[in-house]
Amino acid sequence: MTSATPYRFHPHGDTLTFEWTVQDFDGEREFTVTGTCPVCGCSMTHSFGPIQPTVAKGGFLGRRKSPAEPEVWSMSCACDGYHQPRPERLGGCGALLNLAPPPAHLTTGG
């Protein structure tokens, strides 16, 4: 964990390659991504469950970036680092990250 990076909205433009794993729960798949945030340098793990919450302006939180870019997944930094002044009930440093999709062998079940 680091405290050098304050909490702030910070879009990160590059597409990141993190480690993906998948688990099956009664026919529902849950993807988990693990990596290091390029903005704050903290390690993190985040799960994408089978049901994604909607966001106020439409779409799905933390799933795919947009219909125009179906291969890129988006998420906010999910580290446990101490980044202040972080809003209550939020984690991470505030960075918005674009993730390369899970490998094909995880998404096709083979």
Protein backbone atom coordinates (compact mmCIF):
# COMPACT_ATOMS: atom_id res chain seq x y z
CA MET A 1 0.00 0.00 0.00
CA THR A 2 1.13 3.53 -0.65
CA SER A 3 -0.14 6.86 0.56
CA ALA A 4 1.81 9.02 -1.89
CA THR A 5 -1.00 9.23 -4.45
CA PRO A 6 -4.02 11.23 -3.27
CA TYR A 7 -7.53 10.17 -4.24
CA ARG A 8 -8.68 11.91 -7.40
CA PHE A 9 -10.52 11.09 -10.60
CA HIS A 10 -7.76 10.10 -13.02
CA PRO A 11 -8.55 8.34 -16.31
CA HIS A 12 -5.66 6.15 -17.46
CA GLY A 13 -5.61 6.04 -21.27
CA ASP A 14 -3.67 2.84 -21.92
CA THR A 15 -5.24 -0.60 -22.09
CA LEU A 16 -3.78 -2.71 -19.30
CA THR A 17 -3.06 -6.42 -19.31
CA PHE A 18 -3.96 -7.92 -15.93
CA GLU A 19 -4.19 -11.57 -14.88
CA TRP A 20 -7.67 -13.05 -15.36
CA THR A 21 -9.26 -16.06 -13.65
CA VAL A 22 -12.81 -17.41 -13.84
CA GLN A 23 -15.00 -19.43 -11.49
CA ASP A 24 -18.34 -21.07 -12.21
CA PHE A 25 -21.13 -20.90 -9.62
CA ASP A 26 -24.20 -22.94 -10.57
CA GLY A 27 -23.88 -22.03 -14.24
CA GLU A 28 -22.97 -18.36 -13.59
CA ARG A 29 -19.44 -17.22 -14.36
CA GLU A 30 -17.47 -14.77 -12.23
CA PHE A 31 -14.34 -13.19 -13.70
CA THR A 32 -11.59 -11.95 -11.39
CA VAL A 33 -8.78 -9.64 -12.44
CA THR A 34 -5.53 -9.08 -10.53
CA GLY A 35 -2.85 -6.50 -11.24
CA THR A 36 -1.11 -3.30 -10.17
CA CYS A 37 -2.72 0.11 -10.63
CA PRO A 38 -0.43 2.17 -12.89
CA VAL A 39 -1.54 5.41 -11.19
CA CYS A 40 -0.95 4.64 -7.49
CA GLY A 41 1.25 1.54 -7.75
CA CYS A 42 -0.92 -0.54 -5.40
CA SER A 43 -1.84 -4.14 -6.17
CA MET A 44 -5.53 -4.98 -6.47
CA THR A 45 -8.06 -7.69 -7.19
CA HIS A 46 -11.56 -7.10 -8.53
CA SER A 47 -14.38 -9.51 -9.40
CA PHE A 48 -16.92 -9.06 -12.17
CA GLY A 49 -19.95 -11.07 -11.13
CA PRO A 50 -22.61 -12.42 -13.46
CA ILE A 51 -24.97 -9.56 -12.57
CA GLN A 52 -23.59 -6.06 -13.04
CA PRO A 53 -25.17 -3.02 -11.34
CA THR A 54 -26.41 -0.29 -13.66
CA VAL A 55 -25.07 3.25 -13.41
CA ALA A 56 -27.22 6.38 -13.26
CA LYS A 57 -26.59 7.41 -16.89
CA GLY A 58 -27.20 3.92 -18.27
CA GLY A 59 -24.87 1.05 -19.02
CA PHE A 60 -23.14 -1.22 -16.57
CA LEU A 61 -20.63 -0.36 -13.87
CA GLY A 62 -17.22 -1.97 -14.22
CA ARG A 63 -18.01 -4.24 -17.15
CA ARG A 64 -17.32 -3.29 -20.72
CA LYS A 65 -16.30 0.18 -21.81
CA SER A 66 -18.95 0.72 -24.49
CA PRO A 67 -20.75 -1.13 -27.29
CA ALA A 68 -18.34 0.50 -29.76
CA GLU A 69 -15.42 -1.18 -27.95
CA PRO A 70 -16.76 -4.57 -26.83
CA GLU A 71 -13.33 -6.01 -26.13
CA VAL A 72 -12.19 -3.42 -23.56
CA TRP A 73 -13.39 -3.76 -19.95
CA SER A 74 -13.43 -0.74 -17.62
CA MET A 75 -13.14 -0.43 -13.87
CA SER A 76 -11.97 1.93 -11.16
CA CYS A 77 -8.87 1.23 -9.11
CA ALA A 78 -9.84 -1.34 -6.48
CA CYS A 79 -6.75 -1.25 -4.27
CA ASP A 80 -6.75 -1.19 -0.48
CA GLY A 81 -4.31 1.74 -0.38
CA TYR A 82 -4.95 4.74 1.83
CA HIS A 83 -5.69 7.57 -0.63
CA GLN A 84 -7.29 10.69 0.83
CA PRO A 85 -9.56 12.58 0.59
CA ARG A 86 -11.41 9.54 -0.73
CA PRO A 87 -15.22 9.73 -0.74
CA GLU A 88 -16.98 7.51 1.77
CA ARG A 89 -17.80 3.94 0.59
CA LEU A 90 -15.31 4.07 -2.29
CA GLY A 91 -12.02 2.25 -2.60
CA GLY A 92 -8.87 2.68 -4.61
CA CYS A 93 -7.17 5.87 -5.73
CA GLY A 94 -9.88 7.01 -8.15
CA ALA A 95 -8.10 5.96 -11.34
CA LEU A 96 -10.32 4.77 -14.20
CA LEU A 97 -8.68 1.80 -15.92
CA ASN A 98 -9.20 0.10 -19.28
CA LEU A 99 -8.49 -3.63 -19.21
CA ALA A 100 -7.65 -5.99 -22.02
CA PRO A 101 -10.38 -8.65 -22.18
CA PRO A 102 -10.04 -12.03 -20.51
CA PRO A 103 -8.20 -14.63 -22.61
CA ALA A 104 -10.40 -16.53 -25.04
CA HIS A 105 -9.92 -19.84 -23.24
CA LEU A 106 -11.62 -18.32 -20.15
CA THR A 107 -14.58 -16.80 -22.00
CA THR A 108 -15.32 -19.84 -24.17
CA GLY A 109 -15.12 -22.31 -21.33
CA GLY A 110 -12.40 -24.35 -22.97
